[in-house]
PDB file of all heavy atoms in Angstrom:
ATOM      1  N   LYS A   1     -22.497  14.520   9.945  1.00  0.00           N
ATOM      2  CA  LYS A   1     -23.788  13.845  10.046  1.00  0.00           C
ATOM      3  C   LYS A   1     -23.602  12.541  10.802  1.00  0.00           C
ATOM      4  O   LYS A   1     -22.497  11.942  10.786  1.00  0.00           O
ATOM      5  CB  LYS A   1     -24.319  13.547   8.650  1.00  0.00           C
ATOM      6  CG  LYS A   1     -24.446  14.761   7.749  1.00  0.00           C
ATOM      7  CD  LYS A   1     -24.898  14.342   6.365  1.00  0.00           C
ATOM      8  CE  LYS A   1     -25.021  15.587   5.442  1.00  0.00           C
ATOM      9  NZ  LYS A   1     -25.420  15.185   4.081  1.00  0.00           N
ATOM     10  N   PRO A   2     -24.666  12.029  11.409  1.00  0.00           N
ATOM     11  CA  PRO A   2     -24.547  10.732  12.101  1.00  0.00           C
ATOM     12  C   PRO A   2     -24.015   9.635  11.192  1.00  0.00           C
ATOM     13  O   PRO A   2     -23.284   8.748  11.656  1.00  0.00           O
ATOM     14  CB  PRO A   2     -25.980  10.464  12.536  1.00  0.00           C
ATOM     15  CG  PRO A   2     -26.579  11.826  12.758  1.00  0.00           C
ATOM     16  CD  PRO A   2     -25.975  12.659  11.667  1.00  0.00           C
ATOM     17  N   GLU A   3     -24.345   9.690   9.903  1.00  0.00           N
ATOM     18  CA  GLU A   3     -23.864   8.648   9.029  1.00  0.00           C
ATOM     19  C   GLU A   3     -22.362   8.737   8.713  1.00  0.00           C
ATOM     20  O   GLU A   3     -21.798   7.863   8.032  1.00  0.00           O
ATOM     21  CB  GLU A   3     -24.646   8.678   7.683  1.00  0.00           C
ATOM     22  CG  GLU A   3     -24.756  10.016   7.029  1.00  0.00           C
ATOM     23  CD  GLU A   3     -26.054  10.731   7.385  1.00  0.00           C
ATOM     24  OE1 GLU A   3     -26.496  10.695   8.546  1.00  0.00           O
ATOM     25  OE2 GLU A   3     -26.649  11.346   6.460  1.00  0.00           O
ATOM     26  N   ASP A   4     -21.718   9.776   9.192  1.00  0.00           N
ATOM     27  CA  ASP A   4     -20.240   9.873   9.057  1.00  0.00           C
ATOM     28  C   ASP A   4     -19.544   9.099  10.181  1.00  0.00           C
ATOM     29  O   ASP A   4     -18.300   8.996  10.156  1.00  0.00           O
ATOM     30  CB  ASP A   4     -19.785  11.324   9.138  1.00  0.00           C
ATOM     31  CG  ASP A   4     -20.274  12.157   7.965  1.00  0.00           C
ATOM     32  OD1 ASP A   4     -20.227  11.640   6.816  1.00  0.00           O
ATOM     33  OD2 ASP A   4     -20.711  13.294   8.186  1.00  0.00           O
ATOM     34  N   THR A   5     -20.296   8.565  11.121  1.00  0.00           N
ATOM     35  CA  THR A   5     -19.712   7.806  12.215  1.00  0.00           C
ATOM     36  C   THR A   5     -19.012   6.562  11.691  1.00  0.00           C
ATOM     37  O   THR A   5     -19.579   5.765  10.949  1.00  0.00           O
ATOM     38  CB  THR A   5     -20.807   7.381  13.214  1.00  0.00           C
ATOM     39  OG1 THR A   5     -21.337   8.576  13.830  1.00  0.00           O
ATOM     40  CG2 THR A   5     -20.254   6.454  14.265  1.00  0.00           C
ATOM     41  N   ALA A   6     -17.727   6.433  12.034  1.00  0.00           N
ATOM     42  CA  ALA A   6     -16.896   5.325  11.549  1.00  0.00           C
ATOM     43  C   ALA A   6     -15.512   5.430  12.161  1.00  0.00           C
ATOM     44  O   ALA A   6     -15.171   6.446  12.777  1.00  0.00           O
ATOM     45  CB  ALA A   6     -16.821   5.390  10.026  1.00  0.00           C
ATOM     46  N   VAL A   7     -14.735   4.399  11.925  1.00  0.00           N
ATOM     47  CA  VAL A   7     -13.288   4.470  12.174  1.00  0.00           C
ATOM     48  C   VAL A   7     -12.662   4.982  10.883  1.00  0.00           C
ATOM     49  O   VAL A   7     -12.908   4.434   9.825  1.00  0.00           O
ATOM     50  CB  VAL A   7     -12.701   3.108  12.568  1.00  0.00           C
ATOM     51  CG1 VAL A   7     -11.174   3.249  12.746  1.00  0.00           C
ATOM     52  CG2 VAL A   7     -13.308   2.600  13.856  1.00  0.00           C
ATOM     53  N   TYR A   8     -11.873   6.032  10.986  1.00  0.00           N
ATOM     54  CA  TYR A   8     -11.249   6.648   9.849  1.00  0.00           C
ATOM     55  C   TYR A   8      -9.769   6.249   9.790  1.00  0.00           C
ATOM     56  O   TYR A   8      -9.055   6.311  10.792  1.00  0.00           O
ATOM     57  CB  TYR A   8     -11.361   8.169   9.908  1.00  0.00           C
ATOM     58  CG  TYR A   8     -12.737   8.664   9.549  1.00  0.00           C
ATOM     59  CD1 TYR A   8     -13.829   8.443  10.382  1.00  0.00           C
ATOM     60  CD2 TYR A   8     -12.949   9.315   8.327  1.00  0.00           C
ATOM     61  CE1 TYR A   8     -15.096   8.874  10.041  1.00  0.00           C
ATOM     62  CE2 TYR A   8     -14.223   9.731   7.970  1.00  0.00           C
ATOM     63  CZ  TYR A   8     -15.292   9.522   8.826  1.00  0.00           C
ATOM     64  OH  TYR A   8     -16.565   9.928   8.486  1.00  0.00           O
ATOM     65  N   TYR A   9      -9.361   5.821   8.607  1.00  0.00           N
ATOM     66  CA  TYR A   9      -8.003   5.381   8.385  1.00  0.00           C
ATOM     67  C   TYR A   9      -7.307   6.247   7.341  1.00  0.00           C
ATOM     68  O   TYR A   9      -7.916   6.577   6.306  1.00  0.00           O
ATOM     69  CB  TYR A   9      -7.992   3.940   7.870  1.00  0.00           C
ATOM     70  CG  TYR A   9      -8.584   2.919   8.787  1.00  0.00           C
ATOM     71  CD1 TYR A   9      -9.966   2.632   8.721  1.00  0.00           C
ATOM     72  CD2 TYR A   9      -7.821   2.242   9.718  1.00  0.00           C
ATOM     73  CE1 TYR A   9     -10.522   1.687   9.569  1.00  0.00           C
ATOM     74  CE2 TYR A   9      -8.347   1.306  10.557  1.00  0.00           C
ATOM     75  CZ  TYR A   9      -9.726   1.016  10.477  1.00  0.00           C
ATOM     76  OH  TYR A   9     -10.249   0.083  11.302  1.00  0.00           O
ATOM     77  N   CYS A  10      -6.060   6.554   7.580  1.00  0.00           N
ATOM     78  CA  CYS A  10      -5.265   7.209   6.540  1.00  0.00           C
ATOM     79  C   CYS A  10      -4.416   6.146   5.854  1.00  0.00           C
ATOM     80  O   CYS A  10      -4.080   5.111   6.452  1.00  0.00           O
ATOM     81  CB  CYS A  10      -4.424   8.354   7.046  1.00  0.00           C
ATOM     82  SG  CYS A  10      -3.057   7.934   8.144  1.00  0.00           S
ATOM     83  N   ALA A  11      -4.061   6.420   4.608  1.00  0.00           N
ATOM     84  CA  ALA A  11      -3.317   5.449   3.811  1.00  0.00           C
ATOM     85  C   ALA A  11      -2.326   6.201   2.924  1.00  0.00           C
ATOM     86  O   ALA A  11      -2.604   7.335   2.485  1.00  0.00           O
ATOM     87  CB  ALA A  11      -4.253   4.603   2.973  1.00  0.00           C
ATOM     88  N   ALA A  12      -1.230   5.545   2.619  1.00  0.00           N
ATOM     89  CA  ALA A  12      -0.195   6.107   1.742  1.00  0.00           C
ATOM     90  C   ALA A  12       0.113   5.124   0.625  1.00  0.00           C
ATOM     91  O   ALA A  12       0.142   3.912   0.814  1.00  0.00           O
ATOM     92  CB  ALA A  12       1.080   6.405   2.561  1.00  0.00           C
ATOM     93  N   ARG A  13       0.370   5.706  -0.519  1.00  0.00           N
ATOM     94  CA  ARG A  13       0.606   4.916  -1.725  1.00  0.00           C
ATOM     95  C   ARG A  13       2.025   5.224  -2.215  1.00  0.00           C
ATOM     96  O   ARG A  13       2.313   6.364  -2.590  1.00  0.00           O
ATOM     97  CB  ARG A  13      -0.425   5.315  -2.786  1.00  0.00           C
ATOM     98  CG  ARG A  13      -0.215   4.771  -4.142  1.00  0.00           C
ATOM     99  CD  ARG A  13      -1.247   5.342  -5.117  1.00  0.00           C
ATOM    100  NE  ARG A  13      -0.927   5.077  -6.474  1.00  0.00           N
ATOM    101  CZ  ARG A  13      -1.273   3.984  -7.121  1.00  0.00           C
ATOM    102  NH1 ARG A  13      -2.016   3.073  -6.529  1.00  0.00           N
ATOM    103  NH2 ARG A  13      -0.937   3.827  -8.394  1.00  0.00           N
ATOM    104  N   SER A  14       2.902   4.213  -2.210  1.00  0.00           N
ATOM    105  CA  SER A  14       4.280   4.472  -2.573  1.00  0.00           C
ATOM    106  C   SER A  14       4.586   3.990  -3.997  1.00  0.00           C
ATOM    107  O   SER A  14       5.601   4.397  -4.528  1.00  0.00           O
ATOM    108  CB  SER A  14       5.223   3.744  -1.578  1.00  0.00           C
ATOM    109  OG  SER A  14       5.044   2.332  -1.673  1.00  0.00           O
ATOM    110  N   ARG A  15       3.714   3.170  -4.583  1.00  0.00           N
ATOM    111  CA  ARG A  15       4.008   2.642  -5.912  1.00  0.00           C
ATOM    112  C   ARG A  15       3.902   3.771  -6.937  1.00  0.00           C
ATOM    113  O   ARG A  15       3.246   4.798  -6.695  1.00  0.00           O
ATOM    114  CB  ARG A  15       3.051   1.510  -6.232  1.00  0.00           C
ATOM    115  CG  ARG A  15       1.619   1.935  -6.376  1.00  0.00           C
ATOM    116  CD  ARG A  15       0.662   0.786  -6.377  1.00  0.00           C
ATOM    117  NE  ARG A  15       0.461   0.239  -5.071  1.00  0.00           N
ATOM    118  CZ  ARG A  15      -0.446  -0.686  -4.781  1.00  0.00           C
ATOM    119  NH1 ARG A  15      -1.225  -1.173  -5.758  1.00  0.00           N
ATOM    120  NH2 ARG A  15      -0.598  -1.161  -3.573  1.00  0.00           N
ATOM    121  N   TYR A  16       4.528   3.544  -8.088  1.00  0.00           N
ATOM    122  CA  TYR A  16       4.599   4.643  -9.070  1.00  0.00           C
ATOM    123  C   TYR A  16       3.228   4.969  -9.643  1.00  0.00           C
ATOM    124  O   TYR A  16       2.394   4.100  -9.901  1.00  0.00           O
ATOM    125  CB  TYR A  16       5.516   4.243 -10.237  1.00  0.00           C
ATOM    126  CG  TYR A  16       5.513   5.269 -11.332  1.00  0.00           C
ATOM    127  CD1 TYR A  16       6.239   6.446 -11.205  1.00  0.00           C
ATOM    128  CD2 TYR A  16       4.712   5.099 -12.456  1.00  0.00           C
ATOM    129  CE1 TYR A  16       6.197   7.409 -12.181  1.00  0.00           C
ATOM    130  CE2 TYR A  16       4.654   6.064 -13.450  1.00  0.00           C
ATOM    131  CZ  TYR A  16       5.397   7.218 -13.298  1.00  0.00           C
ATOM    132  OH  TYR A  16       5.342   8.180 -14.267  1.00  0.00           O
ATOM    133  N   SER A  17       2.986   6.253  -9.846  1.00  0.00           N
ATOM    134  CA  SER A  17       1.849   6.746 -10.583  1.00  0.00           C
ATOM    135  C   SER A  17       2.179   8.141 -11.088  1.00  0.00           C
ATOM    136  O   SER A  17       3.122   8.758 -10.582  1.00  0.00           O
ATOM    137  CB  SER A  17       0.581   6.745  -9.759  1.00  0.00           C
ATOM    138  OG  SER A  17       0.706   7.686  -8.678  1.00  0.00           O
ATOM    139  N   ILE A  18       1.430   8.629 -12.034  1.00  0.00           N
ATOM    140  CA  ILE A  18       1.648  10.007 -12.450  1.00  0.00           C
ATOM    141  C   ILE A  18       1.328  10.940 -11.303  1.00  0.00           C
ATOM    142  O   ILE A  18       0.553  10.580 -10.412  1.00  0.00           O
ATOM    143  CB  ILE A  18       0.809  10.347 -13.704  1.00  0.00           C
ATOM    144  CG1 ILE A  18      -0.681  10.160 -13.453  1.00  0.00           C
ATOM    145  CG2 ILE A  18       1.271   9.497 -14.879  1.00  0.00           C
ATOM    146  CD1 ILE A  18      -1.560  10.624 -14.581  1.00  0.00           C
ATOM    147  N   MET A  19       1.876  12.097 -11.324  1.00  0.00           N
ATOM    148  CA  MET A  19       1.787  13.030 -10.206  1.00  0.00           C
ATOM    149  C   MET A  19       0.334  13.444  -9.901  1.00  0.00           C
ATOM    150  O   MET A  19       0.039  13.788  -8.773  1.00  0.00           O
ATOM    151  CB  MET A  19       2.641  14.259 -10.449  1.00  0.00           C
ATOM    152  CG  MET A  19       4.154  13.949 -10.496  1.00  0.00           C
ATOM    153  SD  MET A  19       4.776  13.354  -8.917  1.00  0.00           S
ATOM    154  CE  MET A  19       4.769  14.862  -7.977  1.00  0.00           C
ATOM    155  N   SER A  20      -0.513  13.427 -10.916  1.00  0.00           N
ATOM    156  CA  SER A  20      -1.880  13.900 -10.717  1.00  0.00           C
ATOM    157  C   SER A  20      -2.880  12.808 -10.377  1.00  0.00           C
ATOM    158  O   SER A  20      -4.048  13.083 -10.170  1.00  0.00           O
ATOM    159  CB  SER A  20      -2.348  14.645 -11.966  1.00  0.00           C
ATOM    160  OG  SER A  20      -2.374  13.733 -13.080  1.00  0.00           O
ATOM    161  N   TYR A  21      -2.430  11.573 -10.285  1.00  0.00           N
ATOM    162  CA  TYR A  21      -3.354  10.478 -10.071  1.00  0.00           C
ATOM    163  C   TYR A  21      -3.883  10.457  -8.608  1.00  0.00           C
ATOM    164  O   TYR A  21      -3.110  10.654  -7.661  1.00  0.00           O
ATOM    165  CB  TYR A  21      -2.667   9.137 -10.336  1.00  0.00           C
ATOM    166  CG  TYR A  21      -3.565   7.930 -10.186  1.00  0.00           C
ATOM    167  CD1 TYR A  21      -4.601   7.694 -11.076  1.00  0.00           C
ATOM    168  CD2 TYR A  21      -3.370   7.015  -9.173  1.00  0.00           C
ATOM    169  CE1 TYR A  21      -5.415   6.630 -10.948  1.00  0.00           C
ATOM    170  CE2 TYR A  21      -4.178   5.912  -9.014  1.00  0.00           C
ATOM    171  CZ  TYR A  21      -5.252   5.728  -9.923  1.00  0.00           C
ATOM    172  OH  TYR A  21      -6.055   4.615  -9.794  1.00  0.00           O
ATOM    173  N   THR A  22      -5.183  10.232  -8.485  1.00  0.00           N
ATOM    174  CA  THR A  22      -5.799  10.103  -7.168  1.00  0.00           C
ATOM    175  C   THR A  22      -6.350   8.682  -7.032  1.00  0.00           C
ATOM    176  O   THR A  22      -7.231   8.292  -7.820  1.00  0.00           O
ATOM    177  CB  THR A  22      -6.919  11.141  -6.960  1.00  0.00           C
ATOM    178  OG1 THR A  22      -7.816  11.083  -8.064  1.00  0.00           O
ATOM    179  CG2 THR A  22      -6.358  12.532  -6.790  1.00  0.00           C
ATOM    180  N   ALA A  23      -5.838   7.906  -6.097  1.00  0.00           N
ATOM    181  CA  ALA A  23      -6.229   6.541  -5.922  1.00  0.00           C
ATOM    182  C   ALA A  23      -7.434   6.443  -4.990  1.00  0.00           C
ATOM    183  O   ALA A  23      -7.422   7.020  -3.918  1.00  0.00           O
ATOM    184  CB  ALA A  23      -5.087   5.731  -5.333  1.00  0.00           C
ATOM    185  N   THR A  24      -8.456   5.712  -5.445  1.00  0.00           N
ATOM    186  CA  THR A  24      -9.723   5.656  -4.702  1.00  0.00           C
ATOM    187  C   THR A  24     -10.050   4.265  -4.195  1.00  0.00           C
ATOM    188  O   THR A  24     -11.073   4.094  -3.515  1.00  0.00           O
ATOM    189  CB  THR A  24     -10.874   6.167  -5.567  1.00  0.00           C
ATOM    190  OG1 THR A  24     -11.015   5.369  -6.723  1.00  0.00           O
ATOM    191  CG2 THR A  24     -10.633   7.617  -5.964  1.00  0.00           C
ATOM    192  N   ARG A  25      -9.250   3.290  -4.514  1.00  0.00           N
ATOM    193  CA  ARG A  25      -9.509   1.921  -4.046  1.00  0.00           C
ATOM    194  C   ARG A  25      -8.490   1.562  -2.947  1.00  0.00           C
ATOM    195  O   ARG A  25      -7.303   1.939  -3.016  1.00  0.00           O
ATOM    196  CB  ARG A  25      -9.353   0.914  -5.180  1.00  0.00           C
ATOM    197  CG  ARG A  25     -10.291   1.088  -6.333  1.00  0.00           C
ATOM    198  CD  ARG A  25     -10.301  -0.170  -7.219  1.00  0.00           C
ATOM    199  NE  ARG A  25      -8.982  -0.712  -7.356  1.00  0.00           N
ATOM    200  CZ  ARG A  25      -8.162  -0.390  -8.352  1.00  0.00           C
ATOM    201  NH1 ARG A  25      -8.497   0.487  -9.247  1.00  0.00           N
ATOM    202  NH2 ARG A  25      -6.986  -0.990  -8.453  1.00  0.00           N
ATOM    203  N   SER A  26      -8.936   0.798  -1.967  1.00  0.00           N
ATOM    204  CA  SER A  26      -8.076   0.474  -0.840  1.00  0.00           C
ATOM    205  C   SER A  26      -6.879  -0.399  -1.295  1.00  0.00           C
ATOM    206  O   SER A  26      -5.781  -0.274  -0.736  1.00  0.00           O
ATOM    207  CB  SER A  26      -8.860  -0.248   0.252  1.00  0.00           C
ATOM    208  OG  SER A  26      -9.453  -1.440  -0.217  1.00  0.00           O
ATOM    209  N   ASP A  27      -7.082  -1.192  -2.326  1.00  0.00           N
ATOM    210  CA  ASP A  27      -5.964  -2.054  -2.758  1.00  0.00           C
ATOM    211  C   ASP A  27      -4.885  -1.287  -3.535  1.00  0.00           C
ATOM    212  O   ASP A  27      -3.880  -1.868  -3.934  1.00  0.00           O
ATOM    213  CB  ASP A  27      -6.462  -3.241  -3.603  1.00  0.00           C
ATOM    214  CG  ASP A  27      -7.164  -2.828  -4.874  1.00  0.00           C
ATOM    215  OD1 ASP A  27      -7.240  -1.617  -5.177  1.00  0.00           O
ATOM    216  OD2 ASP A  27      -7.612  -3.731  -5.605  1.00  0.00           O
ATOM    217  N   GLU A  28      -5.066   0.001  -3.737  1.00  0.00           N
ATOM    218  CA  GLU A  28      -4.068   0.830  -4.376  1.00  0.00           C
ATOM    219  C   GLU A  28      -3.095   1.407  -3.365  1.00  0.00           C
ATOM    220  O   GLU A  28      -2.151   2.095  -3.787  1.00  0.00           O
ATOM    221  CB  GLU A  28      -4.758   1.952  -5.155  1.00  0.00           C
ATOM    222  CG  GLU A  28      -5.572   1.499  -6.311  1.00  0.00           C
ATOM    223  CD  GLU A  28      -6.112   2.679  -7.132  1.00  0.00           C
ATOM    224  OE1 GLU A  28      -7.071   3.306  -6.686  1.00  0.00           O
ATOM    225  OE2 GLU A  28      -5.559   2.936  -8.224  1.00  0.00           O
ATOM    226  N   TYR A  29      -3.318   1.190  -2.099  1.00  0.00           N
ATOM    227  CA  TYR A  29      -2.503   1.791  -1.070  1.00  0.00           C
ATOM    228  C   TYR A  29      -1.593   0.735  -0.404  1.00  0.00           C
ATOM    229  O   TYR A  29      -1.958  -0.445  -0.279  1.00  0.00           O
ATOM    230  CB  TYR A  29      -3.366   2.474  -0.009  1.00  0.00           C
ATOM    231  CG  TYR A  29      -3.955   3.733  -0.534  1.00  0.00           C
ATOM    232  CD1 TYR A  29      -5.180   3.738  -1.231  1.00  0.00           C
ATOM    233  CD2 TYR A  29      -3.320   4.973  -0.388  1.00  0.00           C
ATOM    234  CE1 TYR A  29      -5.707   4.893  -1.762  1.00  0.00           C
ATOM    235  CE2 TYR A  29      -3.840   6.148  -0.901  1.00  0.00           C
ATOM    236  CZ  TYR A  29      -5.037   6.095  -1.579  1.00  0.00           C
ATOM    237  OH  TYR A  29      -5.569   7.245  -2.116  1.00  0.00           O
ATOM    238  N   ASP A  30      -0.430   1.209   0.024  1.00  0.00           N
ATOM    239  CA  ASP A  30       0.614   0.308   0.553  1.00  0.00           C
ATOM    240  C   ASP A  30       0.746   0.358   2.053  1.00  0.00           C
ATOM    241  O   ASP A  30       1.210  -0.621   2.656  1.00  0.00           O
ATOM    242  CB  ASP A  30       1.939   0.652  -0.096  1.00  0.00           C
ATOM    243  CG  ASP A  30       1.870   0.578  -1.608  1.00  0.00           C
ATOM    244  OD1 ASP A  30       1.606  -0.528  -2.105  1.00  0.00           O
ATOM    245  OD2 ASP A  30       2.056   1.622  -2.271  1.00  0.00           O
ATOM    246  N   TYR A  31       0.397   1.453   2.670  1.00  0.00           N
ATOM    247  CA  TYR A  31       0.604   1.645   4.100  1.00  0.00           C
ATOM    248  C   TYR A  31      -0.682   2.223   4.700  1.00  0.00           C
ATOM    249  O   TYR A  31      -1.345   3.061   4.124  1.00  0.00           O
ATOM    250  CB  TYR A  31       1.764   2.602   4.382  1.00  0.00           C
ATOM    251  CG  TYR A  31       3.050   2.144   3.763  1.00  0.00           C
ATOM    252  CD1 TYR A  31       3.487   2.735   2.570  1.00  0.00           C
ATOM    253  CD2 TYR A  31       3.835   1.148   4.331  1.00  0.00           C
ATOM    254  CE1 TYR A  31       4.700   2.349   1.995  1.00  0.00           C
ATOM    255  CE2 TYR A  31       5.010   0.751   3.726  1.00  0.00           C
ATOM    256  CZ  TYR A  31       5.425   1.339   2.575  1.00  0.00           C
ATOM    257  OH  TYR A  31       6.606   0.908   1.973  1.00  0.00           O
TER     258      TYR A  31
END
């Protein structure tokens, strides 16, 4: 949709979490 227009960024999280955790905040990512 037109509202999907944006710059898309990928991010990786290296800090420890349980295997099933899904991080949804930008400050939870390291790279």
